[in-house]
């Protein structure tokens, strides 16, 4: 059973900062869930349903955009949270990571769409090296901005899975062991703190290799 989140965000002010418990482990939600296990179950159901939906909706020529990112997030988390599908309006941080202030997110995400998403369309990702570099940069840049209150990694992994399928490749298979999860977090921190995307590119490379072995 999941325990208390030891990486909870430091926030204040509005519903995005409100918890249902004194320990501040469960965010206020539309289903009135009060324990982490129920929250995780509901979130994973939303994620699975969104994969099924978007894999049927997205065409090979669909251009990835911030609006699609918001749509993905709303599809995953809209059943749970009022703020699903919207850029966060609170400042968030974790040990070793402080993300951009909320008032800069509109500009940051416009820059992300123009300077990252738009220059890596699926049809341009012919070789695996090019593919892994593109997805590593997309994920690293997105996670360095952290535009949503929760669910950033799941949202960008789903979008990059859509890009993978558009390019004729399989859904990526990430290492779900403790070592793999720590490696993903380390790669995200490298992108945030040093604009170093090599660790995330390697994560993508391993995920693609694992997908092809299934």
N, C-alpha and C. Protein backbone atom coordinates (compact mmCIF):
# COMPACT_ATOMS: atom_id res chain seq x y z
N UNK A 1 0.84 -1.20 0.00
CA UNK A 1 0.00 0.00 0.00
C UNK A 1 0.87 1.24 0.00
N UNK A 2 0.58 2.21 -0.81
CA UNK A 2 1.38 3.43 -0.84
C UNK A 2 1.39 4.12 0.50
N UNK A 3 2.51 4.69 0.84
CA UNK A 3 2.62 5.44 2.08
C UNK A 3 2.58 6.92 1.82
N UNK A 4 2.94 7.69 2.82
CA UNK A 4 2.93 9.14 2.69
C UNK A 4 3.91 9.59 1.61
N UNK A 5 3.50 10.52 0.79
CA UNK A 5 4.39 11.05 -0.24
C UNK A 5 5.47 11.89 0.43
N UNK A 6 6.72 11.49 0.23
CA UNK A 6 7.81 12.24 0.84
C UNK A 6 8.33 13.32 -0.09
N UNK A 7 7.64 13.52 -1.22
CA UNK A 7 8.07 14.54 -2.19
C UNK A 7 6.96 15.56 -2.42
N UNK A 8 6.12 15.75 -1.42
CA UNK A 8 4.96 16.62 -1.61
C UNK A 8 5.40 18.03 -1.96
N UNK A 9 4.57 18.71 -2.68
CA UNK A 9 4.87 20.05 -3.13
C UNK A 9 4.64 21.07 -2.03
N UNK A 10 5.40 22.13 -2.08
CA UNK A 10 5.19 23.27 -1.19
C UNK A 10 4.32 24.28 -1.91
N UNK A 11 3.09 24.43 -1.51
CA UNK A 11 2.17 25.33 -2.18
C UNK A 11 1.34 26.06 -1.15
N UNK A 12 0.64 27.07 -1.59
CA UNK A 12 -0.27 27.77 -0.69
C UNK A 12 -1.34 28.46 -1.50
N UNK A 13 -2.52 28.65 -0.92
CA UNK A 13 -3.48 29.56 -1.51
C UNK A 13 -4.79 29.04 -2.00
N UNK A 14 -4.84 28.13 -2.96
CA UNK A 14 -6.11 27.79 -3.58
C UNK A 14 -6.35 26.29 -3.57
N UNK A 15 -7.35 25.84 -4.33
CA UNK A 15 -7.74 24.44 -4.28
C UNK A 15 -6.60 23.50 -4.67
N UNK A 16 -5.67 23.98 -5.46
CA UNK A 16 -4.54 23.15 -5.84
C UNK A 16 -3.65 22.84 -4.64
N UNK A 17 -3.80 23.60 -3.57
CA UNK A 17 -2.99 23.41 -2.38
C UNK A 17 -3.76 22.76 -1.24
N UNK A 18 -5.00 22.39 -1.48
CA UNK A 18 -5.85 21.88 -0.40
C UNK A 18 -5.82 20.36 -0.33
N UNK A 19 -5.68 19.86 0.88
CA UNK A 19 -5.63 18.42 1.14
C UNK A 19 -6.84 18.00 1.96
N UNK A 20 -7.15 16.72 1.91
CA UNK A 20 -8.27 16.21 2.70
C UNK A 20 -7.82 15.70 4.06
N UNK A 21 -6.50 15.60 4.27
CA UNK A 21 -5.98 15.04 5.51
C UNK A 21 -4.94 15.96 6.12
N UNK A 22 -4.78 15.87 7.43
CA UNK A 22 -3.82 16.70 8.14
C UNK A 22 -2.39 16.40 7.72
N UNK A 23 -2.12 15.16 7.30
CA UNK A 23 -0.77 14.79 6.88
C UNK A 23 -0.42 15.33 5.50
N UNK A 24 -1.39 15.89 4.81
CA UNK A 24 -1.20 16.47 3.48
C UNK A 24 -0.62 15.45 2.48
N UNK A 25 -1.31 14.33 2.40
CA UNK A 25 -0.92 13.30 1.43
C UNK A 25 -1.93 13.14 0.30
N UNK A 26 -3.19 13.54 0.53
CA UNK A 26 -4.24 13.36 -0.47
C UNK A 26 -4.85 14.71 -0.82
N UNK A 27 -4.73 15.10 -2.06
CA UNK A 27 -5.29 16.38 -2.52
C UNK A 27 -6.82 16.33 -2.56
N UNK A 28 -7.44 17.47 -2.31
CA UNK A 28 -8.89 17.58 -2.46
C UNK A 28 -9.28 17.11 -3.85
N UNK A 29 -10.28 16.26 -3.93
CA UNK A 29 -10.67 15.68 -5.21
C UNK A 29 -12.18 15.57 -5.32
N UNK A 30 -12.66 15.44 -6.55
CA UNK A 30 -14.09 15.45 -6.84
C UNK A 30 -14.79 14.16 -6.41
N UNK A 31 -14.01 13.09 -6.19
CA UNK A 31 -14.59 11.82 -5.77
C UNK A 31 -14.60 11.65 -4.26
N UNK A 32 -14.08 12.65 -3.56
CA UNK A 32 -14.00 12.61 -2.09
C UNK A 32 -13.21 11.41 -1.58
N UNK A 33 -12.19 11.03 -2.32
CA UNK A 33 -11.30 9.96 -1.87
C UNK A 33 -10.39 10.48 -0.78
N UNK A 34 -10.09 9.62 0.20
CA UNK A 34 -9.35 10.09 1.37
C UNK A 34 -8.07 9.30 1.63
N UNK A 35 -7.75 8.34 0.75
CA UNK A 35 -6.52 7.57 0.96
C UNK A 35 -5.76 7.45 -0.35
N UNK A 36 -4.44 7.32 -0.22
CA UNK A 36 -3.58 7.31 -1.40
C UNK A 36 -3.83 6.12 -2.31
N UNK A 37 -4.14 4.97 -1.73
CA UNK A 37 -4.36 3.80 -2.57
C UNK A 37 -5.53 4.03 -3.52
N UNK A 38 -6.61 4.63 -3.02
CA UNK A 38 -7.76 4.92 -3.87
C UNK A 38 -7.43 5.97 -4.93
N UNK A 39 -6.64 6.96 -4.54
CA UNK A 39 -6.21 8.00 -5.49
C UNK A 39 -5.38 7.38 -6.61
N UNK A 40 -4.40 6.56 -6.25
CA UNK A 40 -3.55 5.93 -7.26
C UNK A 40 -4.37 5.06 -8.20
N UNK A 41 -5.33 4.32 -7.64
CA UNK A 41 -6.17 3.46 -8.47
C UNK A 41 -6.98 4.29 -9.47
N UNK A 42 -7.58 5.37 -8.99
CA UNK A 42 -8.38 6.23 -9.86
C UNK A 42 -7.52 6.89 -10.93
N UNK A 43 -6.31 7.33 -10.56
CA UNK A 43 -5.42 7.96 -11.53
C UNK A 43 -4.98 6.96 -12.60
N UNK A 44 -4.67 5.73 -12.19
CA UNK A 44 -4.23 4.73 -13.16
C UNK A 44 -5.37 4.32 -14.08
N UNK A 45 -6.59 4.28 -13.57
CA UNK A 45 -7.74 4.01 -14.44
C UNK A 45 -7.89 5.11 -15.47
N UNK A 46 -7.73 6.35 -15.02
CA UNK A 46 -7.81 7.48 -15.95
C UNK A 46 -6.72 7.42 -17.01
N UNK A 47 -5.53 7.02 -16.61
CA UNK A 47 -4.42 6.92 -17.55
C UNK A 47 -4.69 5.84 -18.59
N UNK A 48 -5.13 4.67 -18.15
CA UNK A 48 -5.41 3.57 -19.08
C UNK A 48 -6.52 3.96 -20.07
N UNK A 49 -7.56 4.59 -19.57
CA UNK A 49 -8.67 5.00 -20.44
C UNK A 49 -8.22 6.05 -21.45
N UNK A 50 -7.32 6.93 -21.02
CA UNK A 50 -6.84 7.99 -21.92
C UNK A 50 -5.96 7.41 -23.02
N UNK A 51 -5.13 6.43 -22.68
CA UNK A 51 -4.34 5.76 -23.72
C UNK A 51 -5.28 5.17 -24.78
N UNK A 52 -6.29 4.46 -24.33
CA UNK A 52 -7.22 3.83 -25.27
C UNK A 52 -7.90 4.87 -26.14
N UNK A 53 -8.34 5.96 -25.53
CA UNK A 53 -9.03 7.02 -26.27
C UNK A 53 -8.13 7.68 -27.30
N UNK A 54 -6.95 8.11 -26.86
CA UNK A 54 -6.10 8.91 -27.75
C UNK A 54 -5.43 8.08 -28.82
N UNK A 55 -5.15 6.83 -28.54
CA UNK A 55 -4.58 5.99 -29.59
C UNK A 55 -5.57 5.77 -30.72
N UNK A 56 -6.85 5.94 -30.43
CA UNK A 56 -7.87 5.83 -31.48
C UNK A 56 -8.16 7.18 -32.13
N UNK A 57 -7.87 8.28 -31.44
CA UNK A 57 -8.19 9.62 -31.95
C UNK A 57 -7.06 10.26 -32.74
N UNK A 58 -5.84 10.06 -32.30
CA UNK A 58 -4.71 10.78 -32.89
C UNK A 58 -4.30 10.15 -34.21
N UNK A 59 -4.19 10.97 -35.25
CA UNK A 59 -3.79 10.51 -36.57
C UNK A 59 -2.27 10.64 -36.72
N UNK A 60 -1.76 10.06 -37.76
CA UNK A 60 -0.31 10.14 -37.99
C UNK A 60 0.13 11.56 -38.30
N UNK A 61 -0.79 12.40 -38.78
CA UNK A 61 -0.43 13.77 -39.12
C UNK A 61 -0.87 14.78 -38.05
N UNK A 62 -1.36 14.31 -36.90
CA UNK A 62 -1.75 15.22 -35.82
C UNK A 62 -0.52 15.89 -35.24
N UNK A 63 -0.51 17.21 -35.21
CA UNK A 63 0.62 17.95 -34.68
C UNK A 63 0.49 18.10 -33.16
N UNK A 64 1.53 17.73 -32.45
CA UNK A 64 1.51 17.86 -31.00
C UNK A 64 1.59 19.33 -30.60
N UNK A 65 0.84 19.69 -29.57
CA UNK A 65 0.74 21.09 -29.16
C UNK A 65 0.43 21.18 -27.68
N UNK A 66 0.46 22.40 -27.15
CA UNK A 66 0.09 22.62 -25.75
C UNK A 66 -1.38 22.29 -25.52
N UNK A 67 -2.22 22.55 -26.50
CA UNK A 67 -3.64 22.22 -26.35
C UNK A 67 -3.83 20.72 -26.21
N UNK A 68 -3.05 19.94 -26.93
CA UNK A 68 -3.14 18.49 -26.80
C UNK A 68 -2.61 18.06 -25.44
N UNK A 69 -1.56 18.69 -24.95
CA UNK A 69 -1.07 18.39 -23.61
C UNK A 69 -2.15 18.63 -22.56
N UNK A 70 -2.84 19.76 -22.67
CA UNK A 70 -3.93 20.06 -21.73
C UNK A 70 -5.05 19.03 -21.85
N UNK A 71 -5.34 18.63 -23.07
CA UNK A 71 -6.39 17.64 -23.30
C UNK A 71 -6.02 16.30 -22.68
N UNK A 72 -4.77 15.89 -22.88
CA UNK A 72 -4.29 14.64 -22.28
C UNK A 72 -4.45 14.69 -20.76
N UNK A 73 -4.00 15.78 -20.17
CA UNK A 73 -4.05 15.91 -18.71
C UNK A 73 -5.50 15.89 -18.21
N UNK A 74 -6.37 16.59 -18.92
CA UNK A 74 -7.78 16.61 -18.52
C UNK A 74 -8.42 15.23 -18.64
N UNK A 75 -8.08 14.50 -19.69
CA UNK A 75 -8.62 13.16 -19.87
C UNK A 75 -8.17 12.22 -18.75
N UNK A 76 -6.91 12.33 -18.35
CA UNK A 76 -6.39 11.46 -17.30
C UNK A 76 -6.98 11.81 -15.94
N UNK A 77 -6.96 13.09 -15.61
CA UNK A 77 -7.23 13.51 -14.24
C UNK A 77 -8.54 14.26 -14.04
N UNK A 78 -9.30 14.51 -15.10
CA UNK A 78 -10.51 15.32 -15.00
C UNK A 78 -11.58 14.73 -14.10
N UNK A 79 -11.63 13.42 -13.99
CA UNK A 79 -12.60 12.78 -13.11
C UNK A 79 -12.28 13.04 -11.64
N UNK A 80 -11.01 13.39 -11.37
CA UNK A 80 -10.56 13.55 -9.99
C UNK A 80 -10.42 15.00 -9.55
N UNK A 81 -9.84 15.85 -10.41
CA UNK A 81 -9.42 17.17 -9.95
C UNK A 81 -10.04 18.30 -10.78
N UNK A 82 -10.48 19.34 -10.10
CA UNK A 82 -11.06 20.49 -10.79
C UNK A 82 -10.05 21.19 -11.69
N UNK A 83 -8.78 21.11 -11.33
CA UNK A 83 -7.74 21.84 -12.06
C UNK A 83 -7.12 21.02 -13.19
N UNK A 84 -7.66 19.86 -13.47
CA UNK A 84 -7.13 19.03 -14.55
C UNK A 84 -7.22 19.77 -15.88
N UNK A 85 -6.18 19.68 -16.67
CA UNK A 85 -6.17 20.31 -17.99
C UNK A 85 -5.82 21.78 -17.98
N UNK A 86 -5.39 22.31 -16.83
CA UNK A 86 -5.01 23.72 -16.73
C UNK A 86 -3.59 23.82 -16.18
N UNK A 87 -2.86 24.84 -16.66
CA UNK A 87 -1.55 25.09 -16.07
C UNK A 87 -1.74 25.40 -14.58
N UNK A 88 -0.80 24.99 -13.79
CA UNK A 88 -0.90 25.22 -12.34
C UNK A 88 -0.90 26.73 -12.04
N UNK A 89 -1.49 27.08 -10.91
CA UNK A 89 -1.53 28.47 -10.47
C UNK A 89 -0.82 28.65 -9.14
N UNK A 90 -0.06 27.66 -8.74
CA UNK A 90 0.70 27.72 -7.49
C UNK A 90 2.16 27.43 -7.76
N UNK A 91 3.01 27.92 -6.89
CA UNK A 91 4.43 27.61 -6.97
C UNK A 91 4.64 26.22 -6.38
N UNK A 92 5.46 25.41 -7.01
CA UNK A 92 5.73 24.07 -6.50
C UNK A 92 7.23 23.83 -6.45
N UNK A 93 7.61 22.96 -5.52
CA UNK A 93 9.02 22.60 -5.40
C UNK A 93 9.12 21.23 -4.75
N UNK A 94 10.25 20.59 -4.95
CA UNK A 94 10.62 19.36 -4.27
C UNK A 94 12.07 19.53 -3.84
N UNK A 95 12.54 18.66 -2.95
CA UNK A 95 13.96 18.74 -2.59
C UNK A 95 14.85 18.68 -3.83
N UNK A 96 15.66 19.70 -4.03
CA UNK A 96 16.57 19.75 -5.17
C UNK A 96 15.95 20.25 -6.45
N UNK A 97 14.68 20.69 -6.40
CA UNK A 97 14.02 21.15 -7.63
C UNK A 97 13.04 22.26 -7.32
N UNK A 98 13.23 23.40 -8.01
CA UNK A 98 12.27 24.50 -7.94
C UNK A 98 11.89 24.84 -9.37
N UNK A 99 10.59 24.77 -9.68
CA UNK A 99 10.14 24.97 -11.05
C UNK A 99 9.70 26.41 -11.29
N UNK A 100 9.55 26.80 -12.54
CA UNK A 100 9.19 28.19 -12.84
C UNK A 100 7.91 28.63 -12.13
N UNK A 101 7.86 29.90 -11.77
CA UNK A 101 6.68 30.46 -11.11
C UNK A 101 5.47 30.39 -12.04
N UNK A 102 4.29 30.25 -11.44
CA UNK A 102 3.07 30.04 -12.22
C UNK A 102 2.79 31.16 -13.20
N UNK A 103 3.14 32.39 -12.84
CA UNK A 103 2.81 33.52 -13.72
C UNK A 103 3.59 33.50 -15.04
N UNK A 104 4.63 32.68 -15.11
CA UNK A 104 5.42 32.60 -16.34
C UNK A 104 5.07 31.40 -17.21
N UNK A 105 4.09 30.60 -16.78
CA UNK A 105 3.83 29.35 -17.48
C UNK A 105 3.26 29.54 -18.88
N UNK A 106 2.39 30.52 -19.07
CA UNK A 106 1.85 30.74 -20.42
C UNK A 106 2.98 30.99 -21.42
N UNK A 107 3.91 31.84 -21.05
CA UNK A 107 5.03 32.14 -21.94
C UNK A 107 5.97 30.95 -22.06
N UNK A 108 6.25 30.29 -20.93
CA UNK A 108 7.16 29.14 -20.96
C UNK A 108 6.62 28.03 -21.85
N UNK A 109 5.32 27.78 -21.77
CA UNK A 109 4.74 26.71 -22.58
C UNK A 109 4.59 27.12 -24.04
N UNK A 110 4.36 28.40 -24.30
CA UNK A 110 4.36 28.87 -25.69
C UNK A 110 5.74 28.68 -26.30
N UNK A 111 6.78 28.98 -25.53
CA UNK A 111 8.15 28.77 -26.00
C UNK A 111 8.42 27.28 -26.21
N UNK A 112 7.90 26.44 -25.32
CA UNK A 112 8.08 25.00 -25.43
C UNK A 112 7.43 24.47 -26.71
N UNK A 113 6.24 24.93 -27.00
CA UNK A 113 5.56 24.48 -28.22
C UNK A 113 6.32 24.93 -29.47
N UNK A 114 6.73 26.18 -29.47
CA UNK A 114 7.40 26.74 -30.65
C UNK A 114 8.82 26.20 -30.81
N UNK A 115 9.55 26.10 -29.70
CA UNK A 115 10.96 25.76 -29.78
C UNK A 115 11.31 24.31 -29.59
N UNK A 116 10.33 23.49 -29.18
CA UNK A 116 10.60 22.07 -28.96
C UNK A 116 9.60 21.20 -29.73
N UNK A 117 8.34 21.24 -29.35
CA UNK A 117 7.36 20.36 -29.98
C UNK A 117 7.31 20.53 -31.49
N UNK A 118 7.31 21.77 -31.95
CA UNK A 118 7.11 22.01 -33.38
C UNK A 118 8.31 21.60 -34.23
N UNK A 119 9.48 21.47 -33.62
CA UNK A 119 10.66 21.13 -34.42
C UNK A 119 10.95 19.63 -34.42
N UNK A 120 10.13 18.86 -33.70
CA UNK A 120 10.32 17.40 -33.69
C UNK A 120 9.03 16.67 -34.08
N UNK A 121 8.47 16.94 -35.25
CA UNK A 121 7.29 16.19 -35.69
C UNK A 121 7.65 14.73 -35.93
N UNK A 122 6.69 13.86 -35.75
CA UNK A 122 6.96 12.43 -35.85
C UNK A 122 7.54 12.03 -37.19
N UNK A 123 7.07 12.68 -38.26
CA UNK A 123 7.53 12.28 -39.60
C UNK A 123 9.00 12.58 -39.83
N UNK A 124 9.60 13.41 -38.98
CA UNK A 124 11.02 13.74 -39.15
C UNK A 124 11.94 12.79 -38.38
N UNK A 125 11.36 11.89 -37.58
CA UNK A 125 12.17 11.06 -36.67
C UNK A 125 12.45 9.71 -37.31
N UNK A 126 13.25 9.72 -38.36
CA UNK A 126 13.46 8.51 -39.15
C UNK A 126 14.40 7.52 -38.46
N UNK A 127 15.53 7.97 -37.96
CA UNK A 127 16.46 7.06 -37.30
C UNK A 127 16.21 7.00 -35.81
N UNK A 128 16.60 5.88 -35.19
CA UNK A 128 16.38 5.73 -33.75
C UNK A 128 17.16 6.75 -32.93
N UNK A 129 18.36 7.09 -33.37
CA UNK A 129 19.14 8.09 -32.63
C UNK A 129 18.41 9.43 -32.62
N UNK A 130 17.90 9.81 -33.77
CA UNK A 130 17.15 11.06 -33.88
C UNK A 130 15.88 11.01 -33.03
N UNK A 131 15.21 9.87 -33.07
CA UNK A 131 13.99 9.68 -32.29
C UNK A 131 14.26 9.80 -30.80
N UNK A 132 15.26 9.10 -30.31
CA UNK A 132 15.56 9.11 -28.87
C UNK A 132 16.01 10.49 -28.41
N UNK A 133 16.80 11.16 -29.24
CA UNK A 133 17.22 12.51 -28.89
C UNK A 133 16.02 13.45 -28.80
N UNK A 134 15.13 13.36 -29.78
CA UNK A 134 13.96 14.24 -29.79
C UNK A 134 13.08 14.02 -28.57
N UNK A 135 12.76 12.76 -28.28
CA UNK A 135 11.88 12.49 -27.14
C UNK A 135 12.55 12.80 -25.81
N UNK A 136 13.87 12.60 -25.75
CA UNK A 136 14.58 12.96 -24.53
C UNK A 136 14.54 14.45 -24.26
N UNK A 137 14.69 15.24 -25.32
CA UNK A 137 14.62 16.70 -25.18
C UNK A 137 13.19 17.14 -24.86
N UNK A 138 12.21 16.56 -25.53
CA UNK A 138 10.81 16.92 -25.26
C UNK A 138 10.46 16.65 -23.80
N UNK A 139 10.79 15.45 -23.33
CA UNK A 139 10.45 15.13 -21.94
C UNK A 139 11.26 15.97 -20.96
N UNK A 140 12.55 16.12 -21.23
CA UNK A 140 13.39 16.89 -20.32
C UNK A 140 12.95 18.34 -20.21
N UNK A 141 12.66 18.97 -21.35
CA UNK A 141 12.22 20.37 -21.35
C UNK A 141 10.87 20.52 -20.65
N UNK A 142 9.95 19.62 -20.93
CA UNK A 142 8.63 19.69 -20.32
C UNK A 142 8.71 19.54 -18.81
N UNK A 143 9.46 18.56 -18.36
CA UNK A 143 9.56 18.31 -16.91
C UNK A 143 10.32 19.43 -16.21
N UNK A 144 11.19 20.13 -16.93
CA UNK A 144 11.88 21.29 -16.34
C UNK A 144 10.91 22.45 -16.10
N UNK A 145 9.83 22.49 -16.86
CA UNK A 145 8.80 23.53 -16.68
C UNK A 145 7.76 23.08 -15.65
N UNK A 146 7.39 21.81 -15.69
CA UNK A 146 6.42 21.24 -14.74
C UNK A 146 5.13 22.06 -14.71
N UNK A 147 4.42 22.14 -15.83
CA UNK A 147 3.30 23.09 -15.91
C UNK A 147 2.04 22.69 -15.15
N UNK A 148 1.90 21.40 -14.83
CA UNK A 148 0.69 20.95 -14.15
C UNK A 148 0.93 20.75 -12.65
N UNK A 149 -0.14 20.81 -11.90
CA UNK A 149 -0.05 20.62 -10.45
C UNK A 149 0.44 19.23 -10.09
N UNK A 150 -0.07 18.24 -10.75
CA UNK A 150 0.33 16.84 -10.59
C UNK A 150 0.25 16.16 -11.95
N UNK A 151 0.92 15.03 -12.07
CA UNK A 151 0.77 14.21 -13.26
C UNK A 151 1.58 14.63 -14.46
N UNK A 152 2.65 15.39 -14.26
CA UNK A 152 3.45 15.87 -15.39
C UNK A 152 4.13 14.73 -16.14
N UNK A 153 4.76 13.81 -15.42
CA UNK A 153 5.49 12.73 -16.09
C UNK A 153 4.54 11.83 -16.88
N UNK A 154 3.41 11.49 -16.29
CA UNK A 154 2.46 10.63 -17.00
C UNK A 154 1.91 11.32 -18.25
N UNK A 155 1.70 12.62 -18.15
CA UNK A 155 1.18 13.36 -19.30
C UNK A 155 2.17 13.39 -20.45
N UNK A 156 3.42 13.72 -20.17
CA UNK A 156 4.40 13.83 -21.25
C UNK A 156 4.81 12.45 -21.77
N UNK A 157 4.79 11.43 -20.93
CA UNK A 157 5.06 10.08 -21.42
C UNK A 157 3.97 9.64 -22.40
N UNK A 158 2.73 10.00 -22.11
CA UNK A 158 1.65 9.64 -23.03
C UNK A 158 1.81 10.38 -24.35
N UNK A 159 2.10 11.68 -24.28
CA UNK A 159 2.29 12.42 -25.53
C UNK A 159 3.44 11.83 -26.35
N UNK A 160 4.55 11.52 -25.71
CA UNK A 160 5.68 10.98 -26.48
C UNK A 160 5.39 9.56 -26.96
N UNK A 161 4.52 8.83 -26.27
CA UNK A 161 4.07 7.55 -26.80
C UNK A 161 3.26 7.76 -28.08
N UNK A 162 2.45 8.79 -28.11
CA UNK A 162 1.71 9.10 -29.33
C UNK A 162 2.66 9.42 -30.48
N UNK A 163 3.71 10.18 -30.18
CA UNK A 163 4.71 10.49 -31.20
C UNK A 163 5.40 9.21 -31.67
N UNK A 164 5.68 8.31 -30.72
CA UNK A 164 6.32 7.04 -31.07
C UNK A 164 5.45 6.24 -32.03
N UNK A 165 4.17 6.14 -31.73
CA UNK A 165 3.26 5.41 -32.61
C UNK A 165 3.13 6.11 -33.96
N UNK A 166 3.07 7.43 -33.95
CA UNK A 166 3.01 8.18 -35.21
C UNK A 166 4.22 7.88 -36.09
N UNK A 167 5.37 7.65 -35.46
CA UNK A 167 6.60 7.42 -36.21
C UNK A 167 6.77 5.95 -36.61
N UNK A 168 5.78 5.11 -36.27
CA UNK A 168 5.85 3.70 -36.63
C UNK A 168 6.54 2.84 -35.61
N UNK A 169 6.73 3.36 -34.42
CA UNK A 169 7.39 2.62 -33.34
C UNK A 169 6.36 2.21 -32.29
N UNK A 170 6.76 1.30 -31.38
CA UNK A 170 5.81 0.84 -30.35
C UNK A 170 5.70 1.83 -29.19
N UNK A 171 4.71 1.58 -28.33
CA UNK A 171 4.63 2.31 -27.07
C UNK A 171 5.87 1.99 -26.25
N UNK A 172 6.47 2.99 -25.65
CA UNK A 172 7.71 2.79 -24.91
C UNK A 172 7.45 2.04 -23.60
N UNK A 173 8.44 1.27 -23.19
CA UNK A 173 8.34 0.49 -21.95
C UNK A 173 9.43 0.96 -21.00
N UNK A 174 9.04 1.71 -19.98
CA UNK A 174 9.99 2.27 -19.03
C UNK A 174 10.29 1.27 -17.92
N UNK A 175 11.47 1.37 -17.37
CA UNK A 175 11.88 0.53 -16.25
C UNK A 175 11.09 0.94 -15.01
N UNK A 176 10.22 0.06 -14.53
CA UNK A 176 9.35 0.38 -13.39
C UNK A 176 9.92 -0.08 -12.06
N UNK A 177 11.17 -0.58 -12.06
CA UNK A 177 11.81 -0.95 -10.81
C UNK A 177 12.20 0.31 -10.04
N UNK A 178 12.54 0.14 -8.77
CA UNK A 178 12.99 1.29 -7.98
C UNK A 178 14.19 1.97 -8.64
N UNK A 179 15.10 1.16 -9.18
CA UNK A 179 16.28 1.71 -9.85
C UNK A 179 15.87 2.51 -11.09
N UNK A 180 14.93 1.98 -11.84
CA UNK A 180 14.47 2.67 -13.04
C UNK A 180 13.76 3.97 -12.73
N UNK A 181 12.93 3.96 -11.70
CA UNK A 181 12.22 5.18 -11.30
C UNK A 181 13.19 6.24 -10.82
N UNK A 182 14.18 5.83 -10.04
CA UNK A 182 15.19 6.79 -9.57
C UNK A 182 16.00 7.33 -10.75
N UNK A 183 16.28 6.47 -11.72
CA UNK A 183 17.01 6.91 -12.89
C UNK A 183 16.24 7.94 -13.69
N UNK A 184 14.92 7.77 -13.78
CA UNK A 184 14.09 8.73 -14.50
C UNK A 184 14.08 10.07 -13.78
N UNK A 185 13.96 10.04 -12.46
CA UNK A 185 13.98 11.28 -11.67
C UNK A 185 15.32 11.98 -11.82
N UNK A 186 16.40 11.21 -11.78
CA UNK A 186 17.73 11.79 -11.95
C UNK A 186 17.87 12.44 -13.32
N UNK A 187 17.33 11.79 -14.35
CA UNK A 187 17.39 12.36 -15.70
C UNK A 187 16.59 13.65 -15.79
N UNK A 188 15.44 13.69 -15.14
CA UNK A 188 14.63 14.91 -15.13
C UNK A 188 15.35 16.04 -14.41
N UNK A 189 16.02 15.72 -13.31
CA UNK A 189 16.78 16.74 -12.58
C UNK A 189 17.95 17.27 -13.40
N UNK A 190 18.59 16.39 -14.16
CA UNK A 190 19.70 16.84 -15.01
C UNK A 190 19.22 17.84 -16.05
N UNK A 191 18.03 17.60 -16.59
CA UNK A 191 17.46 18.53 -17.56
C UNK A 191 17.11 19.86 -16.90
N UNK A 192 16.56 19.80 -15.69
CA UNK A 192 16.16 21.02 -14.99
C UNK A 192 17.34 21.84 -14.53
N UNK A 193 18.31 21.19 -13.91
CA UNK A 193 19.39 21.90 -13.24
C UNK A 193 20.55 22.27 -14.17
N UNK A 194 20.76 21.46 -15.22
CA UNK A 194 21.94 21.66 -16.05
C UNK A 194 21.63 21.72 -17.54
N UNK A 195 20.34 21.67 -17.89
CA UNK A 195 19.96 21.59 -19.31
C UNK A 195 20.72 20.46 -20.00
N UNK A 196 20.92 19.37 -19.26
CA UNK A 196 21.62 18.20 -19.76
C UNK A 196 20.57 17.13 -20.09
N UNK A 197 20.39 16.85 -21.37
CA UNK A 197 19.34 15.93 -21.80
C UNK A 197 19.87 14.52 -22.06
N UNK A 198 21.17 14.33 -21.95
CA UNK A 198 21.75 13.01 -22.25
C UNK A 198 21.16 11.90 -21.38
N UNK A 199 21.00 12.11 -20.06
CA UNK A 199 20.40 11.04 -19.25
C UNK A 199 18.99 10.68 -19.69
N UNK A 200 18.18 11.68 -20.04
CA UNK A 200 16.81 11.38 -20.48
C UNK A 200 16.81 10.71 -21.84
N UNK A 201 17.71 11.10 -22.71
CA UNK A 201 17.82 10.44 -24.01
C UNK A 201 18.14 8.96 -23.82
N UNK A 202 19.00 8.66 -22.86
CA UNK A 202 19.35 7.27 -22.57
C UNK A 202 18.15 6.52 -21.99
N UNK A 203 17.36 7.18 -21.15
CA UNK A 203 16.13 6.56 -20.64
C UNK A 203 15.21 6.18 -21.79
N UNK A 204 15.06 7.08 -22.75
CA UNK A 204 14.21 6.80 -23.92
C UNK A 204 14.79 5.65 -24.73
N UNK A 205 16.09 5.64 -24.89
CA UNK A 205 16.73 4.57 -25.67
C UNK A 205 16.45 3.20 -25.04
N UNK A 206 16.57 3.12 -23.72
CA UNK A 206 16.31 1.85 -23.04
C UNK A 206 14.82 1.48 -23.12
N UNK A 207 13.95 2.49 -23.02
CA UNK A 207 12.51 2.22 -23.10
C UNK A 207 12.11 1.71 -24.48
N UNK A 208 12.74 2.24 -25.52
CA UNK A 208 12.47 1.77 -26.88
C UNK A 208 12.97 0.35 -27.07
N UNK A 209 14.16 0.08 -26.55
CA UNK A 209 14.72 -1.26 -26.65
C UNK A 209 13.84 -2.28 -25.93
N UNK A 210 13.37 -1.91 -24.73
CA UNK A 210 12.50 -2.81 -23.97
C UNK A 210 11.19 -3.06 -24.70
N UNK A 211 10.66 -2.03 -25.33
CA UNK A 211 9.40 -2.17 -26.06
C UNK A 211 9.54 -3.15 -27.22
N UNK A 212 10.66 -3.14 -27.87
CA UNK A 212 10.88 -4.02 -29.02
C UNK A 212 11.14 -5.46 -28.61
N UNK A 213 11.46 -5.67 -27.36
CA UNK A 213 11.71 -7.02 -26.87
C UNK A 213 10.44 -7.70 -26.37
N UNK A 214 9.36 -6.93 -26.28
CA UNK A 214 8.11 -7.51 -25.77
C UNK A 214 7.36 -8.26 -26.87
